[in-house]
Amino acid sequence: LGDVYKRQVVDKINEELIELDIEIKGGDRDRMADELGDLLFSCVNLARHLKLDPEVSMRAANEKFKRRFESMELLAGKTKIEDHSADQLELLWGKVKRSESYSS
């Protein structure tokens, strides 16, 4: 995939993300769903041009999220995840990500 074409595909993804953000602010669920579909379609298009299987990539991302969330639960100890503030959860998430990058 040439650099110019990659830039065009990434620019299209950014454009779709901006359009989705506008619709999120507008609050119309049908329009949000439409723009989310366009964003996902553009991401799949990028995967196709990179010769990557988007389903395999998504499954790997889901597994990574599951592993990290389980690690967060361990760090939280006996407290329930839902009892933590968004800021506390972000701190736990950051600790898990840093621990993974150090162990790689």
N, C-alpha and C. Protein backbone atom coordinates (compact mmCIF):
# COMPACT_ATOMS: atom_id res chain seq x y z
N LEU A 1 0.86 -1.18 0.00
CA LEU A 1 0.00 0.00 0.00
C LEU A 1 0.89 1.22 0.00
N GLY A 2 0.76 2.07 -1.01
CA GLY A 2 1.60 3.25 -1.10
C GLY A 2 1.30 4.26 -0.02
N ASP A 3 2.28 5.09 0.29
CA ASP A 3 2.12 6.08 1.35
C ASP A 3 0.98 7.05 1.09
N VAL A 4 0.81 7.46 -0.16
CA VAL A 4 -0.26 8.39 -0.50
C VAL A 4 -1.61 7.74 -0.26
N TYR A 5 -1.75 6.49 -0.71
CA TYR A 5 -3.02 5.80 -0.54
C TYR A 5 -3.30 5.54 0.93
N LYS A 6 -2.28 5.13 1.69
CA LYS A 6 -2.46 4.92 3.13
C LYS A 6 -2.97 6.19 3.78
N ARG A 7 -2.38 7.31 3.41
CA ARG A 7 -2.79 8.60 3.97
C ARG A 7 -4.25 8.87 3.63
N GLN A 8 -4.66 8.56 2.39
CA GLN A 8 -6.05 8.78 1.98
C GLN A 8 -7.01 7.93 2.81
N VAL A 9 -6.66 6.68 3.04
CA VAL A 9 -7.53 5.78 3.81
C VAL A 9 -7.60 6.24 5.26
N VAL A 10 -6.47 6.61 5.82
CA VAL A 10 -6.46 7.09 7.21
C VAL A 10 -7.22 8.42 7.30
N ASP A 11 -7.06 9.28 6.31
CA ASP A 11 -7.82 10.54 6.30
C ASP A 11 -9.32 10.26 6.26
N LYS A 12 -9.73 9.25 5.50
CA LYS A 12 -11.14 8.88 5.42
C LYS A 12 -11.64 8.39 6.78
N ILE A 13 -10.83 7.61 7.48
CA ILE A 13 -11.20 7.15 8.82
C ILE A 13 -11.36 8.35 9.75
N ASN A 14 -10.44 9.29 9.68
CA ASN A 14 -10.53 10.49 10.52
C ASN A 14 -11.78 11.30 10.19
N GLU A 15 -12.10 11.41 8.90
CA GLU A 15 -13.31 12.12 8.47
C GLU A 15 -14.56 11.44 9.05
N GLU A 16 -14.60 10.12 8.96
CA GLU A 16 -15.76 9.38 9.48
C GLU A 16 -15.86 9.53 11.00
N LEU A 17 -14.73 9.57 11.67
CA LEU A 17 -14.73 9.75 13.13
C LEU A 17 -15.28 11.12 13.51
N ILE A 18 -14.90 12.14 12.76
CA ILE A 18 -15.42 13.49 13.01
C ILE A 18 -16.93 13.52 12.78
N GLU A 19 -17.38 12.87 11.71
CA GLU A 19 -18.81 12.83 11.43
C GLU A 19 -19.57 12.09 12.53
N LEU A 20 -18.99 11.02 13.04
CA LEU A 20 -19.62 10.30 14.15
C LEU A 20 -19.68 11.18 15.39
N ASP A 21 -18.62 11.89 15.68
CA ASP A 21 -18.59 12.78 16.84
C ASP A 21 -19.69 13.84 16.74
N ILE A 22 -19.89 14.38 15.56
CA ILE A 22 -20.96 15.38 15.35
C ILE A 22 -22.32 14.75 15.66
N GLU A 23 -22.54 13.54 15.18
CA GLU A 23 -23.83 12.88 15.40
C GLU A 23 -24.01 12.49 16.86
N ILE A 24 -22.93 12.14 17.54
CA ILE A 24 -23.02 11.84 18.97
C ILE A 24 -23.51 13.08 19.71
N LYS A 25 -22.94 14.22 19.36
CA LYS A 25 -23.35 15.48 20.00
C LYS A 25 -24.80 15.81 19.68
N GLY A 26 -25.26 15.42 18.49
CA GLY A 26 -26.64 15.68 18.09
C GLY A 26 -27.63 14.75 18.78
N GLY A 27 -27.18 13.56 19.16
CA GLY A 27 -28.01 12.65 19.93
C GLY A 27 -28.97 11.77 19.15
N ASP A 28 -28.97 11.85 17.83
CA ASP A 28 -29.87 11.01 17.03
C ASP A 28 -29.23 9.63 16.86
N ARG A 29 -29.83 8.63 17.49
CA ARG A 29 -29.25 7.29 17.51
C ARG A 29 -29.15 6.67 16.11
N ASP A 30 -30.14 6.91 15.27
CA ASP A 30 -30.08 6.36 13.92
C ASP A 30 -28.92 6.95 13.13
N ARG A 31 -28.71 8.25 13.28
CA ARG A 31 -27.60 8.90 12.57
C ARG A 31 -26.26 8.45 13.16
N MET A 32 -26.21 8.26 14.49
CA MET A 32 -24.99 7.74 15.11
C MET A 32 -24.66 6.36 14.56
N ALA A 33 -25.68 5.50 14.50
CA ALA A 33 -25.48 4.14 13.99
C ALA A 33 -24.98 4.17 12.55
N ASP A 34 -25.55 5.07 11.73
CA ASP A 34 -25.14 5.20 10.34
C ASP A 34 -23.66 5.60 10.24
N GLU A 35 -23.28 6.60 11.02
CA GLU A 35 -21.88 7.07 10.97
C GLU A 35 -20.92 6.05 11.57
N LEU A 36 -21.36 5.34 12.61
CA LEU A 36 -20.51 4.28 13.17
C LEU A 36 -20.28 3.20 12.13
N GLY A 37 -21.33 2.85 11.40
CA GLY A 37 -21.17 1.88 10.31
C GLY A 37 -20.18 2.34 9.27
N ASP A 38 -20.24 3.62 8.91
CA ASP A 38 -19.29 4.16 7.93
C ASP A 38 -17.86 4.08 8.47
N LEU A 39 -17.68 4.39 9.76
CA LEU A 39 -16.35 4.34 10.37
C LEU A 39 -15.82 2.91 10.37
N LEU A 40 -16.65 1.97 10.77
CA LEU A 40 -16.22 0.57 10.79
C LEU A 40 -15.90 0.08 9.38
N PHE A 41 -16.73 0.46 8.40
CA PHE A 41 -16.47 0.08 7.02
C PHE A 41 -15.12 0.61 6.56
N SER A 42 -14.81 1.85 6.91
CA SER A 42 -13.53 2.45 6.51
C SER A 42 -12.36 1.74 7.18
N CYS A 43 -12.54 1.31 8.43
CA CYS A 43 -11.48 0.57 9.13
C CYS A 43 -11.26 -0.79 8.48
N VAL A 44 -12.33 -1.44 8.10
CA VAL A 44 -12.22 -2.73 7.41
C VAL A 44 -11.54 -2.54 6.06
N ASN A 45 -11.84 -1.46 5.39
CA ASN A 45 -11.18 -1.16 4.11
C ASN A 45 -9.68 -1.00 4.30
N LEU A 46 -9.27 -0.33 5.36
CA LEU A 46 -7.84 -0.18 5.64
C LEU A 46 -7.22 -1.56 5.89
N ALA A 47 -7.88 -2.39 6.67
CA ALA A 47 -7.36 -3.73 6.94
C ALA A 47 -7.18 -4.50 5.63
N ARG A 48 -8.16 -4.40 4.76
CA ARG A 48 -8.09 -5.10 3.47
C ARG A 48 -6.86 -4.68 2.68
N HIS A 49 -6.62 -3.37 2.64
CA HIS A 49 -5.46 -2.87 1.88
C HIS A 49 -4.14 -3.18 2.56
N LEU A 50 -4.16 -3.37 3.87
CA LEU A 50 -2.95 -3.78 4.58
C LEU A 50 -2.75 -5.29 4.57
N LYS A 51 -3.72 -5.98 3.93
CA LYS A 51 -3.69 -7.44 3.84
C LYS A 51 -3.76 -8.06 5.25
N LEU A 52 -4.61 -7.47 6.09
CA LEU A 52 -4.87 -7.98 7.42
C LEU A 52 -6.32 -8.43 7.48
N ASP A 53 -6.58 -9.45 8.26
CA ASP A 53 -7.94 -9.93 8.45
C ASP A 53 -8.57 -9.12 9.59
N PRO A 54 -9.56 -8.29 9.28
CA PRO A 54 -10.14 -7.45 10.33
C PRO A 54 -10.79 -8.26 11.45
N GLU A 55 -11.34 -9.41 11.13
CA GLU A 55 -11.96 -10.24 12.17
C GLU A 55 -10.90 -10.78 13.12
N VAL A 56 -9.77 -11.21 12.59
CA VAL A 56 -8.68 -11.70 13.44
C VAL A 56 -8.17 -10.57 14.32
N SER A 57 -8.03 -9.38 13.74
CA SER A 57 -7.57 -8.22 14.52
C SER A 57 -8.55 -7.89 15.63
N MET A 58 -9.85 -7.96 15.33
CA MET A 58 -10.87 -7.64 16.34
C MET A 58 -10.88 -8.67 17.45
N ARG A 59 -10.74 -9.94 17.09
CA ARG A 59 -10.70 -10.99 18.11
C ARG A 59 -9.49 -10.80 19.03
N ALA A 60 -8.36 -10.45 18.46
CA ALA A 60 -7.16 -10.22 19.27
C ALA A 60 -7.35 -9.02 20.19
N ALA A 61 -7.99 -7.98 19.69
CA ALA A 61 -8.26 -6.79 20.52
C ALA A 61 -9.21 -7.14 21.67
N ASN A 62 -10.21 -7.97 21.38
CA ASN A 62 -11.14 -8.40 22.43
C ASN A 62 -10.42 -9.21 23.50
N GLU A 63 -9.55 -10.11 23.08
CA GLU A 63 -8.78 -10.91 24.04
C GLU A 63 -7.86 -10.03 24.88
N LYS A 64 -7.23 -9.05 24.25
CA LYS A 64 -6.36 -8.13 24.98
C LYS A 64 -7.16 -7.35 26.01
N PHE A 65 -8.35 -6.86 25.60
CA PHE A 65 -9.20 -6.12 26.52
C PHE A 65 -9.61 -7.00 27.70
N LYS A 66 -10.03 -8.23 27.41
CA LYS A 66 -10.45 -9.16 28.47
C LYS A 66 -9.30 -9.40 29.45
N ARG A 67 -8.11 -9.65 28.93
CA ARG A 67 -6.93 -9.90 29.77
C ARG A 67 -6.64 -8.69 30.65
N ARG A 68 -6.69 -7.51 30.05
CA ARG A 68 -6.41 -6.29 30.81
C ARG A 68 -7.49 -6.02 31.85
N PHE A 69 -8.75 -6.26 31.51
CA PHE A 69 -9.83 -6.03 32.46
C PHE A 69 -9.70 -6.98 33.65
N GLU A 70 -9.38 -8.23 33.37
CA GLU A 70 -9.18 -9.20 34.45
C GLU A 70 -8.01 -8.77 35.34
N SER A 71 -6.97 -8.23 34.74
CA SER A 71 -5.84 -7.72 35.53
C SER A 71 -6.26 -6.53 36.39
N MET A 72 -7.11 -5.68 35.84
CA MET A 72 -7.64 -4.56 36.62
C MET A 72 -8.41 -5.06 37.83
N GLU A 73 -9.22 -6.08 37.62
CA GLU A 73 -9.99 -6.64 38.73
C GLU A 73 -9.06 -7.17 39.82
N LEU A 74 -7.96 -7.79 39.42
CA LEU A 74 -6.99 -8.28 40.41
C LEU A 74 -6.36 -7.11 41.16
N LEU A 75 -6.01 -6.06 40.45
CA LEU A 75 -5.43 -4.88 41.10
C LEU A 75 -6.42 -4.21 42.05
N ALA A 76 -7.68 -4.26 41.71
CA ALA A 76 -8.71 -3.64 42.55
C ALA A 76 -8.90 -4.38 43.86
N GLY A 77 -8.43 -5.62 43.91
CA GLY A 77 -8.53 -6.39 45.14
C GLY A 77 -9.96 -6.79 45.44
N LYS A 78 -10.34 -6.64 46.68
CA LYS A 78 -11.67 -7.07 47.11
C LYS A 78 -12.76 -6.08 46.75
N THR A 79 -12.37 -4.90 46.27
CA THR A 79 -13.38 -3.91 45.90
C THR A 79 -13.93 -4.24 44.51
N LYS A 80 -15.16 -3.85 44.27
CA LYS A 80 -15.80 -4.10 42.98
C LYS A 80 -15.39 -3.01 41.99
N ILE A 81 -15.18 -3.41 40.76
CA ILE A 81 -14.81 -2.46 39.71
C ILE A 81 -15.83 -1.33 39.62
N GLU A 82 -17.11 -1.66 39.70
CA GLU A 82 -18.14 -0.64 39.55
C GLU A 82 -18.16 0.37 40.70
N ASP A 83 -17.45 0.08 41.79
CA ASP A 83 -17.37 1.02 42.91
C ASP A 83 -16.27 2.06 42.74
N HIS A 84 -15.49 1.95 41.67
CA HIS A 84 -14.40 2.88 41.40
C HIS A 84 -14.87 4.01 40.49
N SER A 85 -14.28 5.17 40.68
CA SER A 85 -14.59 6.31 39.81
C SER A 85 -13.92 6.11 38.45
N ALA A 86 -14.33 6.90 37.49
CA ALA A 86 -13.71 6.83 36.16
C ALA A 86 -12.21 7.12 36.26
N ASP A 87 -11.83 8.08 37.09
CA ASP A 87 -10.41 8.40 37.26
C ASP A 87 -9.63 7.23 37.86
N GLN A 88 -10.23 6.56 38.85
CA GLN A 88 -9.58 5.40 39.46
C GLN A 88 -9.43 4.27 38.45
N LEU A 89 -10.46 4.06 37.65
CA LEU A 89 -10.40 3.02 36.63
C LEU A 89 -9.33 3.33 35.60
N GLU A 90 -9.21 4.59 35.23
CA GLU A 90 -8.17 4.99 34.28
C GLU A 90 -6.78 4.73 34.84
N LEU A 91 -6.60 4.97 36.13
CA LEU A 91 -5.31 4.69 36.78
C LEU A 91 -5.02 3.19 36.76
N LEU A 92 -6.01 2.38 37.10
CA LEU A 92 -5.82 0.92 37.07
C LEU A 92 -5.50 0.45 35.66
N TRP A 93 -6.22 0.97 34.66
CA TRP A 93 -5.98 0.61 33.27
C TRP A 93 -4.54 0.96 32.86
N GLY A 94 -4.10 2.15 33.26
CA GLY A 94 -2.74 2.58 32.95
C GLY A 94 -1.69 1.66 33.57
N LYS A 95 -1.92 1.24 34.81
CA LYS A 95 -0.99 0.32 35.48
C LYS A 95 -0.91 -1.00 34.73
N VAL A 96 -2.05 -1.50 34.31
CA VAL A 96 -2.08 -2.78 33.59
C VAL A 96 -1.34 -2.64 32.26
N LYS A 97 -1.61 -1.56 31.52
CA LYS A 97 -0.94 -1.37 30.23
C LYS A 97 0.57 -1.24 30.41
N ARG A 98 0.98 -0.48 31.42
CA ARG A 98 2.43 -0.34 31.66
C ARG A 98 3.06 -1.68 32.04
N SER A 99 2.38 -2.46 32.84
CA SER A 99 2.94 -3.75 33.25
C SER A 99 3.07 -4.69 32.04
N GLU A 100 2.13 -4.61 31.11
CA GLU A 100 2.23 -5.43 29.89
C GLU A 100 3.37 -4.99 29.00
N SER A 101 3.58 -3.69 28.89
CA SER A 101 4.65 -3.21 28.00
C SER A 101 6.02 -3.52 28.59
N TYR A 102 6.12 -3.58 29.92
CA TYR A 102 7.41 -3.93 30.53
C TYR A 102 7.71 -5.41 30.42
N SER A 103 6.67 -6.24 30.37
CA SER A 103 6.88 -7.68 30.33
C SER A 103 7.07 -8.19 28.91
N SER A 104 6.88 -7.34 27.91
CA SER A 104 7.01 -7.78 26.51
C SER A 104 8.46 -7.85 26.09
